[in-house]
Amino acid sequence: MRDRKIYEVSKRLLDIILTILAIIPAALLFPLIALAIKLDSEGPVFYKQKRVGRYGQEFWLLKYRSMVKNAHELGGWKGNGPDLRHTRVGMILRKSYLDELPQIINILKGEMSFVGPRPERPEYVGELKQKVPSYEKRLAVPPGITGWAQVNMENDASVEDAPEKIKYDLYYIENRSLWFDLLIIFKTIFIVLRREGR
């Protein structure tokens, strides 16, 4: 129990340090990203969506908008072929993970961490709780910008891949440590740089 408490405090401290380091480049990138989004398509710069966090508490997740206005009217993406809901700038932001940058605000507020299971929408959580008996364990830790599932699976994995993602999430929860978090962060950086180099 004491080791777990030390880990929780260390993890929060790591989140704060990484957020402070990220604030300056994020502030420098903001006007460029905001301008690109506005010039590329109609709609707001930011996008917010209700997600479920630790202990089932709901919060507003922030992102740079990567989809066209009223994208929900085009229906959901099924995992086959290009996703027509994304703008040209949005595809670049998603490929580079820059669309996730505003979530440093969620981290500062304590709603998220840099590392943890990706937060799901409330309607999916209810469905997954029924389908996956151990899903409740996923809500025992703060959700993250990246996680063990994200570094082991494709970024555009479909809804059908949810059970596989949850297996990775549960493995992380059972084995979480500061070193595991750092490993995931470094693997995420490597994946982003590899994608950028393509």
N, C-alpha and C. Protein backbone atom coordinates (compact mmCIF):
# COMPACT_ATOMS: atom_id res chain seq x y z
N MET A 1 0.83 -1.21 0.00
CA MET A 1 0.00 0.00 0.00
C MET A 1 0.87 1.26 0.00
N ARG A 2 1.95 1.23 0.83
CA ARG A 2 2.85 2.38 0.91
C ARG A 2 3.55 2.60 -0.43
N ASP A 3 4.00 1.50 -1.08
CA ASP A 3 4.66 1.61 -2.38
C ASP A 3 3.71 2.20 -3.42
N ARG A 4 2.44 1.80 -3.34
CA ARG A 4 1.45 2.31 -4.29
C ARG A 4 1.24 3.81 -4.09
N LYS A 5 1.24 4.25 -2.82
CA LYS A 5 1.06 5.67 -2.52
C LYS A 5 2.25 6.47 -3.05
N ILE A 6 3.47 5.93 -2.85
CA ILE A 6 4.68 6.60 -3.35
C ILE A 6 4.60 6.72 -4.87
N TYR A 7 4.14 5.65 -5.51
CA TYR A 7 4.01 5.67 -6.97
C TYR A 7 3.02 6.74 -7.41
N GLU A 8 1.87 6.82 -6.74
CA GLU A 8 0.84 7.80 -7.11
C GLU A 8 1.39 9.23 -7.02
N VAL A 9 2.11 9.51 -5.94
CA VAL A 9 2.69 10.85 -5.75
C VAL A 9 3.76 11.12 -6.81
N SER A 10 4.62 10.12 -7.06
CA SER A 10 5.68 10.26 -8.06
C SER A 10 5.10 10.46 -9.45
N LYS A 11 4.04 9.74 -9.75
CA LYS A 11 3.40 9.85 -11.07
C LYS A 11 2.82 11.25 -11.27
N ARG A 12 2.18 11.77 -10.23
CA ARG A 12 1.60 13.12 -10.32
C ARG A 12 2.71 14.16 -10.48
N LEU A 13 3.81 13.96 -9.76
CA LEU A 13 4.95 14.88 -9.88
C LEU A 13 5.53 14.83 -11.30
N LEU A 14 5.62 13.63 -11.86
CA LEU A 14 6.11 13.48 -13.24
C LEU A 14 5.18 14.19 -14.22
N ASP A 15 3.88 14.05 -14.01
CA ASP A 15 2.90 14.73 -14.86
C ASP A 15 3.09 16.25 -14.84
N ILE A 16 3.29 16.79 -13.64
CA ILE A 16 3.45 18.24 -13.49
C ILE A 16 4.74 18.71 -14.17
N ILE A 17 5.84 17.96 -13.98
CA ILE A 17 7.12 18.32 -14.60
C ILE A 17 7.01 18.29 -16.13
N LEU A 18 6.42 17.22 -16.66
CA LEU A 18 6.28 17.09 -18.12
C LEU A 18 5.35 18.17 -18.68
N THR A 19 4.32 18.52 -17.92
CA THR A 19 3.40 19.57 -18.36
C THR A 19 4.10 20.92 -18.43
N ILE A 20 4.91 21.23 -17.41
CA ILE A 20 5.66 22.48 -17.40
C ILE A 20 6.61 22.54 -18.60
N LEU A 21 7.26 21.41 -18.90
CA LEU A 21 8.18 21.34 -20.04
C LEU A 21 7.43 21.48 -21.37
N ALA A 22 6.18 21.03 -21.39
CA ALA A 22 5.39 21.05 -22.64
C ALA A 22 4.70 22.38 -22.89
N ILE A 23 4.52 23.18 -21.84
CA ILE A 23 3.73 24.42 -21.97
C ILE A 23 4.35 25.40 -22.97
N ILE A 24 5.67 25.60 -22.91
CA ILE A 24 6.31 26.59 -23.80
C ILE A 24 6.19 26.19 -25.27
N PRO A 25 6.60 24.95 -25.66
CA PRO A 25 6.41 24.58 -27.07
C PRO A 25 4.94 24.57 -27.48
N ALA A 26 4.05 24.18 -26.55
CA ALA A 26 2.62 24.16 -26.86
C ALA A 26 2.11 25.57 -27.14
N ALA A 27 2.59 26.54 -26.35
CA ALA A 27 2.18 27.94 -26.54
C ALA A 27 2.71 28.50 -27.86
N LEU A 28 3.92 28.08 -28.24
CA LEU A 28 4.50 28.54 -29.50
C LEU A 28 3.78 27.94 -30.71
N LEU A 29 3.34 26.69 -30.56
CA LEU A 29 2.66 26.00 -31.66
C LEU A 29 1.21 26.44 -31.81
N PHE A 30 0.61 26.92 -30.71
CA PHE A 30 -0.82 27.23 -30.73
C PHE A 30 -1.25 28.14 -31.88
N PRO A 31 -0.62 29.33 -32.07
CA PRO A 31 -1.10 30.21 -33.15
C PRO A 31 -0.98 29.58 -34.53
N LEU A 32 0.07 28.78 -34.75
CA LEU A 32 0.26 28.13 -36.04
C LEU A 32 -0.81 27.07 -36.29
N ILE A 33 -1.06 26.24 -35.27
CA ILE A 33 -2.07 25.18 -35.40
C ILE A 33 -3.46 25.79 -35.53
N ALA A 34 -3.75 26.81 -34.71
CA ALA A 34 -5.07 27.46 -34.75
C ALA A 34 -5.33 28.07 -36.12
N LEU A 35 -4.32 28.74 -36.68
CA LEU A 35 -4.46 29.36 -38.00
C LEU A 35 -4.68 28.30 -39.08
N ALA A 36 -3.92 27.22 -39.01
CA ALA A 36 -4.05 26.14 -40.00
C ALA A 36 -5.44 25.51 -39.95
N ILE A 37 -5.96 25.30 -38.75
CA ILE A 37 -7.30 24.71 -38.59
C ILE A 37 -8.36 25.63 -39.18
N LYS A 38 -8.27 26.92 -38.87
CA LYS A 38 -9.28 27.89 -39.34
C LYS A 38 -9.23 28.07 -40.85
N LEU A 39 -8.02 28.06 -41.43
CA LEU A 39 -7.89 28.22 -42.88
C LEU A 39 -8.34 26.98 -43.64
N ASP A 40 -8.19 25.83 -43.00
CA ASP A 40 -8.49 24.56 -43.67
C ASP A 40 -9.97 24.24 -43.74
N SER A 41 -10.71 24.57 -42.68
CA SER A 41 -12.13 24.20 -42.66
C SER A 41 -12.92 25.07 -41.68
N GLU A 42 -14.21 25.10 -41.88
CA GLU A 42 -15.11 25.88 -41.02
C GLU A 42 -15.27 25.18 -39.68
N GLY A 43 -15.33 25.97 -38.61
CA GLY A 43 -15.56 25.39 -37.29
C GLY A 43 -14.58 25.92 -36.26
N PRO A 44 -14.74 25.53 -35.00
CA PRO A 44 -13.87 26.01 -33.92
C PRO A 44 -12.48 25.39 -33.98
N VAL A 45 -11.55 26.00 -33.26
CA VAL A 45 -10.18 25.48 -33.18
C VAL A 45 -10.14 24.26 -32.27
N PHE A 46 -10.85 24.36 -31.14
CA PHE A 46 -10.85 23.27 -30.16
C PHE A 46 -12.11 22.42 -30.27
N TYR A 47 -11.95 21.20 -29.79
CA TYR A 47 -13.06 20.25 -29.77
C TYR A 47 -13.09 19.66 -28.36
N LYS A 48 -14.25 19.59 -27.78
CA LYS A 48 -14.34 18.96 -26.46
C LYS A 48 -15.42 17.90 -26.47
N GLN A 49 -15.16 16.85 -25.71
CA GLN A 49 -16.09 15.73 -25.66
C GLN A 49 -16.09 15.14 -24.25
N LYS A 50 -17.26 14.77 -23.78
CA LYS A 50 -17.37 14.21 -22.43
C LYS A 50 -16.78 12.80 -22.41
N ARG A 51 -15.91 12.55 -21.46
CA ARG A 51 -15.28 11.24 -21.29
C ARG A 51 -15.40 10.80 -19.83
N VAL A 52 -15.13 9.53 -19.60
CA VAL A 52 -15.20 8.97 -18.25
C VAL A 52 -13.79 8.78 -17.71
N GLY A 53 -13.53 9.36 -16.55
CA GLY A 53 -12.21 9.28 -15.95
C GLY A 53 -12.15 8.33 -14.77
N ARG A 54 -11.22 8.60 -13.88
CA ARG A 54 -11.00 7.73 -12.72
C ARG A 54 -12.24 7.67 -11.83
N TYR A 55 -12.54 6.48 -11.37
CA TYR A 55 -13.70 6.21 -10.51
C TYR A 55 -15.03 6.56 -11.19
N GLY A 56 -15.02 6.61 -12.51
CA GLY A 56 -16.25 6.86 -13.25
C GLY A 56 -16.67 8.32 -13.33
N GLN A 57 -15.79 9.23 -12.88
CA GLN A 57 -16.13 10.66 -12.94
C GLN A 57 -15.99 11.19 -14.36
N GLU A 58 -17.00 11.91 -14.82
CA GLU A 58 -16.99 12.44 -16.18
C GLU A 58 -16.27 13.79 -16.23
N PHE A 59 -15.61 14.05 -17.36
CA PHE A 59 -14.93 15.33 -17.56
C PHE A 59 -14.93 15.66 -19.05
N TRP A 60 -14.58 16.91 -19.36
CA TRP A 60 -14.52 17.34 -20.76
C TRP A 60 -13.09 17.18 -21.28
N LEU A 61 -12.89 16.26 -22.20
CA LEU A 61 -11.59 16.05 -22.83
C LEU A 61 -11.39 17.07 -23.94
N LEU A 62 -10.22 17.69 -23.98
CA LEU A 62 -9.93 18.74 -24.96
C LEU A 62 -9.00 18.23 -26.07
N LYS A 63 -9.26 18.69 -27.28
CA LYS A 63 -8.42 18.37 -28.44
C LYS A 63 -8.43 19.53 -29.41
N TYR A 64 -7.42 19.57 -30.27
CA TYR A 64 -7.54 20.42 -31.45
C TYR A 64 -8.51 19.73 -32.39
N ARG A 65 -9.38 20.49 -33.00
CA ARG A 65 -10.38 19.89 -33.90
C ARG A 65 -9.68 19.31 -35.13
N SER A 66 -9.95 18.04 -35.40
CA SER A 66 -9.34 17.36 -36.55
C SER A 66 -10.39 16.91 -37.56
N MET A 67 -11.67 17.15 -37.24
CA MET A 67 -12.75 16.70 -38.12
C MET A 67 -13.53 17.88 -38.71
N VAL A 68 -14.27 17.60 -39.76
CA VAL A 68 -15.12 18.63 -40.37
C VAL A 68 -16.25 18.99 -39.42
N LYS A 69 -16.84 20.15 -39.64
CA LYS A 69 -17.97 20.58 -38.82
C LYS A 69 -19.13 19.60 -39.01
N ASN A 70 -19.83 19.28 -37.91
CA ASN A 70 -20.95 18.33 -37.94
C ASN A 70 -20.53 16.96 -38.45
N ALA A 71 -19.34 16.51 -38.04
CA ALA A 71 -18.82 15.21 -38.49
C ALA A 71 -19.72 14.05 -38.08
N HIS A 72 -20.46 14.23 -36.97
CA HIS A 72 -21.33 13.16 -36.48
C HIS A 72 -22.42 12.80 -37.49
N GLU A 73 -22.75 13.76 -38.37
CA GLU A 73 -23.78 13.50 -39.37
C GLU A 73 -23.31 12.55 -40.46
N LEU A 74 -21.99 12.36 -40.56
CA LEU A 74 -21.43 11.44 -41.56
C LEU A 74 -21.37 10.01 -41.05
N GLY A 75 -21.74 9.81 -39.78
CA GLY A 75 -21.70 8.48 -39.19
C GLY A 75 -20.32 8.15 -38.65
N GLY A 76 -20.19 7.03 -37.99
CA GLY A 76 -18.92 6.63 -37.41
C GLY A 76 -18.03 5.91 -38.40
N TRP A 77 -16.74 5.91 -38.09
CA TRP A 77 -15.78 5.20 -38.93
C TRP A 77 -15.73 3.75 -38.50
N LYS A 78 -15.76 2.83 -39.46
CA LYS A 78 -15.81 1.40 -39.16
C LYS A 78 -14.46 0.71 -39.22
N GLY A 79 -13.41 1.46 -39.51
CA GLY A 79 -12.08 0.85 -39.53
C GLY A 79 -11.63 0.39 -40.91
N ASN A 80 -12.44 0.61 -41.94
CA ASN A 80 -12.08 0.20 -43.30
C ASN A 80 -12.03 1.43 -44.20
N GLY A 81 -10.89 1.64 -44.88
CA GLY A 81 -10.78 2.78 -45.79
C GLY A 81 -10.53 4.08 -45.05
N PRO A 82 -10.35 5.17 -45.81
CA PRO A 82 -10.07 6.48 -45.19
C PRO A 82 -11.28 7.02 -44.42
N ASP A 83 -11.01 7.76 -43.38
CA ASP A 83 -12.07 8.38 -42.59
C ASP A 83 -12.36 9.75 -43.18
N LEU A 84 -13.48 9.88 -43.88
CA LEU A 84 -13.82 11.11 -44.59
C LEU A 84 -14.20 12.26 -43.65
N ARG A 85 -14.32 11.97 -42.37
CA ARG A 85 -14.68 13.02 -41.41
C ARG A 85 -13.49 13.93 -41.10
N HIS A 86 -12.28 13.47 -41.36
CA HIS A 86 -11.09 14.25 -41.00
C HIS A 86 -10.73 15.29 -42.06
N THR A 87 -10.31 16.45 -41.59
CA THR A 87 -9.83 17.50 -42.49
C THR A 87 -8.38 17.19 -42.88
N ARG A 88 -7.86 17.95 -43.85
CA ARG A 88 -6.46 17.74 -44.27
C ARG A 88 -5.50 18.06 -43.12
N VAL A 89 -5.75 19.18 -42.45
CA VAL A 89 -4.91 19.54 -41.30
C VAL A 89 -5.13 18.54 -40.17
N GLY A 90 -6.37 18.11 -40.01
CA GLY A 90 -6.71 17.15 -38.96
C GLY A 90 -5.94 15.85 -39.10
N MET A 91 -5.76 15.38 -40.33
CA MET A 91 -5.01 14.13 -40.55
C MET A 91 -3.55 14.28 -40.14
N ILE A 92 -2.99 15.46 -40.39
CA ILE A 92 -1.60 15.73 -39.98
C ILE A 92 -1.51 15.79 -38.46
N LEU A 93 -2.47 16.46 -37.84
CA LEU A 93 -2.48 16.58 -36.38
C LEU A 93 -2.61 15.22 -35.71
N ARG A 94 -3.46 14.37 -36.26
CA ARG A 94 -3.66 13.04 -35.68
C ARG A 94 -2.43 12.16 -35.87
N LYS A 95 -1.83 12.23 -37.04
CA LYS A 95 -0.64 11.41 -37.32
C LYS A 95 0.50 11.77 -36.39
N SER A 96 0.62 13.06 -36.07
CA SER A 96 1.71 13.54 -35.21
C SER A 96 1.31 13.60 -33.73
N TYR A 97 0.06 13.24 -33.42
CA TYR A 97 -0.50 13.31 -32.06
C TYR A 97 -0.62 14.74 -31.54
N LEU A 98 -0.44 15.73 -32.40
CA LEU A 98 -0.56 17.12 -31.95
C LEU A 98 -1.99 17.49 -31.59
N ASP A 99 -2.96 16.73 -32.10
CA ASP A 99 -4.36 17.02 -31.74
C ASP A 99 -4.61 16.80 -30.25
N GLU A 100 -3.74 16.00 -29.61
CA GLU A 100 -3.89 15.69 -28.18
C GLU A 100 -3.27 16.76 -27.28
N LEU A 101 -2.53 17.70 -27.86
CA LEU A 101 -1.77 18.68 -27.08
C LEU A 101 -2.60 19.45 -26.05
N PRO A 102 -3.84 19.88 -26.37
CA PRO A 102 -4.63 20.61 -25.37
C PRO A 102 -4.94 19.80 -24.11
N GLN A 103 -4.71 18.49 -24.15
CA GLN A 103 -5.00 17.68 -22.98
C GLN A 103 -4.02 17.91 -21.84
N ILE A 104 -2.98 18.71 -22.08
CA ILE A 104 -2.12 19.08 -20.95
C ILE A 104 -2.92 19.91 -19.94
N ILE A 105 -3.99 20.55 -20.40
CA ILE A 105 -4.89 21.28 -19.49
C ILE A 105 -5.63 20.28 -18.62
N ASN A 106 -6.10 19.17 -19.23
CA ASN A 106 -6.76 18.11 -18.45
C ASN A 106 -5.80 17.52 -17.41
N ILE A 107 -4.52 17.42 -17.78
CA ILE A 107 -3.52 16.87 -16.85
C ILE A 107 -3.29 17.83 -15.70
N LEU A 108 -3.16 19.12 -15.99
CA LEU A 108 -2.98 20.12 -14.93
C LEU A 108 -4.14 20.12 -13.94
N LYS A 109 -5.34 19.88 -14.46
CA LYS A 109 -6.54 19.85 -13.61
C LYS A 109 -6.66 18.55 -12.83
N GLY A 110 -5.78 17.58 -13.11
CA GLY A 110 -5.82 16.30 -12.41
C GLY A 110 -6.84 15.33 -12.96
N GLU A 111 -7.41 15.64 -14.12
CA GLU A 111 -8.42 14.77 -14.73
C GLU A 111 -7.78 13.64 -15.53
N MET A 112 -6.53 13.87 -15.96
CA MET A 112 -5.82 12.89 -16.76
C MET A 112 -4.36 12.82 -16.32
N SER A 113 -3.65 11.84 -16.89
CA SER A 113 -2.21 11.70 -16.70
C SER A 113 -1.59 11.58 -18.09
N PHE A 114 -0.28 11.67 -18.17
CA PHE A 114 0.36 11.43 -19.47
C PHE A 114 0.20 9.97 -19.87
N VAL A 115 0.26 9.07 -18.89
CA VAL A 115 0.17 7.63 -19.18
C VAL A 115 -1.01 7.02 -18.45
N GLY A 116 -1.79 6.24 -19.17
CA GLY A 116 -2.95 5.57 -18.60
C GLY A 116 -3.86 5.09 -19.72
N PRO A 117 -4.89 4.34 -19.40
CA PRO A 117 -5.84 3.92 -20.43
C PRO A 117 -6.54 5.13 -21.05
N ARG A 118 -6.76 5.10 -22.35
CA ARG A 118 -7.47 6.20 -22.99
C ARG A 118 -8.90 6.28 -22.45
N PRO A 119 -9.38 7.50 -22.11
CA PRO A 119 -10.74 7.63 -21.58
C PRO A 119 -11.79 7.42 -22.66
N GLU A 120 -12.85 6.71 -22.31
CA GLU A 120 -13.92 6.41 -23.26
C GLU A 120 -15.12 7.34 -23.04
N ARG A 121 -15.98 7.40 -24.05
CA ARG A 121 -17.22 8.16 -23.93
C ARG A 121 -18.18 7.40 -23.00
N PRO A 122 -19.04 8.12 -22.26
CA PRO A 122 -19.94 7.48 -21.29
C PRO A 122 -20.78 6.35 -21.88
N GLU A 123 -21.28 6.54 -23.11
CA GLU A 123 -22.15 5.51 -23.70
C GLU A 123 -21.39 4.22 -23.99
N TYR A 124 -20.08 4.32 -24.29
CA TYR A 124 -19.29 3.13 -24.53
C TYR A 124 -18.94 2.41 -23.23
N VAL A 125 -18.73 3.20 -22.17
CA VAL A 125 -18.36 2.61 -20.88
C VAL A 125 -19.45 1.67 -20.37
N GLY A 126 -20.71 2.10 -20.47
CA GLY A 126 -21.82 1.25 -20.04
C GLY A 126 -21.87 -0.04 -20.81
N GLU A 127 -21.64 0.05 -22.12
CA GLU A 127 -21.67 -1.13 -22.99
C GLU A 127 -20.50 -2.08 -22.69
N LEU A 128 -19.31 -1.50 -22.49
CA LEU A 128 -18.12 -2.31 -22.23
C LEU A 128 -18.16 -2.97 -20.86
N LYS A 129 -18.77 -2.32 -19.89
CA LYS A 129 -18.91 -2.93 -18.56
C LYS A 129 -19.72 -4.22 -18.63
N GLN A 130 -20.71 -4.25 -19.52
CA GLN A 130 -21.54 -5.44 -19.68
C GLN A 130 -20.80 -6.54 -20.43
N LYS A 131 -19.99 -6.15 -21.42
CA LYS A 131 -19.30 -7.12 -22.26
C LYS A 131 -18.01 -7.66 -21.64
N VAL A 132 -17.33 -6.80 -20.86
CA VAL A 132 -16.04 -7.18 -20.27
C VAL A 132 -16.14 -7.09 -18.75
N PRO A 133 -16.24 -8.23 -18.06
CA PRO A 133 -16.44 -8.24 -16.60
C PRO A 133 -15.38 -7.45 -15.82
N SER A 134 -14.14 -7.47 -16.30
CA SER A 134 -13.05 -6.81 -15.57
C SER A 134 -12.86 -5.35 -15.99
N TYR A 135 -13.78 -4.82 -16.79
CA TYR A 135 -13.61 -3.45 -17.31
C TYR A 135 -13.56 -2.41 -16.19
N GLU A 136 -14.25 -2.69 -15.09
CA GLU A 136 -14.31 -1.74 -13.96
C GLU A 136 -12.91 -1.40 -13.44
N LYS A 137 -11.98 -2.37 -13.54
CA LYS A 137 -10.61 -2.13 -13.07
C LYS A 137 -9.94 -1.00 -13.85
N ARG A 138 -10.37 -0.81 -15.08
CA ARG A 138 -9.80 0.21 -15.95
C ARG A 138 -10.06 1.62 -15.41
N LEU A 139 -11.09 1.75 -14.58
CA LEU A 139 -11.45 3.05 -14.02
C LEU A 139 -10.77 3.32 -12.68
N ALA A 140 -9.86 2.42 -12.29
CA ALA A 140 -9.17 2.57 -11.00
C ALA A 140 -7.98 3.51 -11.09
N VAL A 141 -7.59 3.87 -12.32
CA VAL A 141 -6.43 4.75 -12.51
C VAL A 141 -6.82 5.94 -13.38
N PRO A 142 -6.08 7.04 -13.31
CA PRO A 142 -6.39 8.18 -14.18
C PRO A 142 -6.19 7.80 -15.65
N PRO A 143 -7.05 8.27 -16.53
CA PRO A 143 -6.86 8.02 -17.97
C PRO A 143 -5.66 8.80 -18.47
N GLY A 144 -5.11 8.38 -19.61
CA GLY A 144 -3.91 9.03 -20.11
C GLY A 144 -3.98 9.47 -21.56
N ILE A 145 -3.01 10.29 -21.95
CA ILE A 145 -2.87 10.69 -23.35
C ILE A 145 -2.35 9.52 -24.17
N THR A 146 -1.43 8.76 -23.57
CA THR A 146 -0.93 7.55 -24.21
C THR A 146 -0.96 6.42 -23.19
N GLY A 147 -0.81 5.20 -23.67
CA GLY A 147 -0.89 4.06 -22.78
C GLY A 147 -0.26 2.82 -23.40
N TRP A 148 -0.26 1.72 -22.64
CA TRP A 148 0.32 0.47 -23.11
C TRP A 148 -0.42 -0.06 -24.35
N ALA A 149 -1.72 0.15 -24.39
CA ALA A 149 -2.50 -0.26 -25.57
C ALA A 149 -2.10 0.56 -26.79
N GLN A 150 -1.90 1.86 -26.61
CA GLN A 150 -1.61 2.76 -27.73
C GLN A 150 -0.24 2.47 -28.36
N VAL A 151 0.74 2.04 -27.55
CA VAL A 151 2.06 1.77 -28.12
C VAL A 151 2.17 0.35 -28.68
N ASN A 152 1.14 -0.45 -28.48
CA ASN A 152 1.14 -1.82 -28.99
C ASN A 152 0.12 -2.06 -30.10
N MET A 153 -0.76 -1.09 -30.33
CA MET A 153 -1.79 -1.24 -31.35
C MET A 153 -1.79 -0.02 -32.26
N GLU A 154 -2.42 -0.16 -33.42
CA GLU A 154 -2.51 0.95 -34.36
C GLU A 154 -3.35 2.07 -33.76
N ASN A 155 -2.98 3.32 -34.06
CA ASN A 155 -3.71 4.48 -33.55
C ASN A 155 -5.14 4.54 -34.04
N ASP A 156 -5.38 3.96 -35.24
CA ASP A 156 -6.72 4.00 -35.82
C ASP A 156 -7.45 2.67 -35.68
N ALA A 157 -7.15 1.94 -34.60
CA ALA A 157 -7.84 0.67 -34.35
C ALA A 157 -9.34 0.92 -34.24
N SER A 158 -10.12 -0.06 -34.70
CA SER A 158 -11.57 0.10 -34.76
C SER A 158 -12.23 -0.27 -33.44
N VAL A 159 -13.55 -0.06 -33.37
CA VAL A 159 -14.33 -0.38 -32.18
C VAL A 159 -14.23 -1.87 -31.86
N GLU A 160 -14.12 -2.70 -32.90
CA GLU A 160 -14.03 -4.15 -32.71
C GLU A 160 -12.75 -4.55 -31.96
N ASP A 161 -11.77 -3.66 -31.96
CA ASP A 161 -10.50 -3.96 -31.29
C ASP A 161 -10.53 -3.64 -29.79
N ALA A 162 -11.66 -3.15 -29.30
CA ALA A 162 -11.77 -2.73 -27.89
C ALA A 162 -11.37 -3.82 -26.90
N PRO A 163 -11.82 -5.09 -27.07
CA PRO A 163 -11.41 -6.12 -26.10
C PRO A 163 -9.90 -6.30 -26.03
N GLU A 164 -9.22 -6.22 -27.18
CA GLU A 164 -7.77 -6.35 -27.21
C GLU A 164 -7.10 -5.17 -26.50
N LYS A 165 -7.64 -3.96 -26.72
CA LYS A 165 -7.11 -2.77 -26.05
C LYS A 165 -7.24 -2.91 -24.53
N ILE A 166 -8.39 -3.41 -24.11
CA ILE A 166 -8.65 -3.54 -22.67
C ILE A 166 -7.66 -4.51 -22.04
N LYS A 167 -7.27 -5.57 -22.76
CA LYS A 167 -6.28 -6.52 -22.25
C LYS A 167 -4.96 -5.81 -21.96
N TYR A 168 -4.54 -4.96 -22.88
CA TYR A 168 -3.31 -4.18 -22.67
C TYR A 168 -3.47 -3.22 -21.50
N ASP A 169 -4.63 -2.58 -21.40
CA ASP A 169 -4.89 -1.63 -20.31
C ASP A 169 -4.83 -2.33 -18.96
N LEU A 170 -5.44 -3.51 -18.87
CA LEU A 170 -5.45 -4.25 -17.61
C LEU A 170 -4.05 -4.73 -17.23
N TYR A 171 -3.27 -5.10 -18.24
CA TYR A 171 -1.87 -5.49 -17.97
C TYR A 171 -1.11 -4.30 -17.38
N TYR A 172 -1.34 -3.12 -17.95
CA TYR A 172 -0.68 -1.91 -17.43
C TYR A 172 -1.09 -1.65 -15.99
N ILE A 173 -2.38 -1.75 -15.71
CA ILE A 173 -2.89 -1.46 -14.37
C ILE A 173 -2.30 -2.41 -13.34
N GLU A 174 -2.18 -3.69 -13.70
CA GLU A 174 -1.64 -4.69 -12.78
C GLU A 174 -0.13 -4.51 -12.55
N ASN A 175 0.56 -3.93 -13.52
CA ASN A 175 2.02 -3.84 -13.44
C ASN A 175 2.54 -2.40 -13.44
N ARG A 176 1.67 -1.44 -13.19
CA ARG A 176 2.07 -0.05 -13.31
C ARG A 176 3.16 0.34 -12.30
N SER A 177 4.06 1.14 -12.79
CA SER A 177 5.17 1.66 -11.99
C SER A 177 5.71 2.88 -12.72
N LEU A 178 6.54 3.65 -12.05
CA LEU A 178 7.11 4.84 -12.67
C LEU A 178 7.99 4.45 -13.87
N TRP A 179 8.71 3.33 -13.74
CA TRP A 179 9.57 2.88 -14.84
C TRP A 179 8.74 2.44 -16.04
N PHE A 180 7.61 1.79 -15.76
CA PHE A 180 6.71 1.37 -16.84
C PHE A 180 6.14 2.60 -17.54
N ASP A 181 5.78 3.62 -16.77
CA ASP A 181 5.27 4.87 -17.35
C ASP A 181 6.32 5.51 -18.26
N LEU A 182 7.57 5.55 -17.78
CA LEU A 182 8.65 6.15 -18.58
C LEU A 182 8.90 5.36 -19.86
N LEU A 183 8.81 4.03 -19.76
CA LEU A 183 8.97 3.18 -20.94
C LEU A 183 7.91 3.52 -21.98
N ILE A 184 6.66 3.66 -21.54
CA ILE A 184 5.55 3.97 -22.45
C ILE A 184 5.75 5.35 -23.08
N ILE A 185 6.21 6.32 -22.30
CA ILE A 185 6.46 7.67 -22.83
C ILE A 185 7.54 7.62 -23.92
N PHE A 186 8.65 6.90 -23.65
CA PHE A 186 9.73 6.81 -24.64
C PHE A 186 9.28 6.05 -25.89
N LYS A 187 8.48 4.99 -25.70
CA LYS A 187 7.96 4.25 -26.86
C LYS A 187 7.03 5.13 -27.68
N THR A 188 6.24 5.96 -27.01
CA THR A 188 5.33 6.88 -27.71
C THR A 188 6.12 7.88 -28.55
N ILE A 189 7.18 8.44 -27.95
CA ILE A 189 8.03 9.40 -28.68
C ILE A 189 8.64 8.73 -29.91
N PHE A 190 9.11 7.49 -29.74
CA PHE A 190 9.71 6.75 -30.86
C PHE A 190 8.69 6.52 -31.97
N ILE A 191 7.47 6.14 -31.61
CA ILE A 191 6.41 5.89 -32.59
C ILE A 191 6.08 7.17 -33.36
N VAL A 192 5.97 8.29 -32.63
CA VAL A 192 5.65 9.58 -33.27
C VAL A 192 6.75 9.97 -34.25
N LEU A 193 8.02 9.85 -33.83
CA LEU A 193 9.14 10.21 -34.69
C LEU A 193 9.22 9.29 -35.91
N ARG A 194 8.92 8.02 -35.71
CA ARG A 194 8.94 7.06 -36.83
C ARG A 194 7.87 7.39 -37.85
N ARG A 195 6.70 7.79 -37.35
CA ARG A 195 5.61 8.17 -38.26
C ARG A 195 5.96 9.43 -39.03
N GLU A 196 6.58 10.38 -38.32
CA GLU A 196 6.95 11.64 -38.96
C GLU A 196 8.00 11.41 -40.05
N GLY A 197 8.82 10.36 -39.86
CA GLY A 197 9.88 10.09 -40.83
C GLY A 197 9.42 9.36 -42.07
N ARG A 198 8.17 8.92 -42.09
CA ARG A 198 7.67 8.18 -43.25
C ARG A 198 7.39 9.10 -44.43
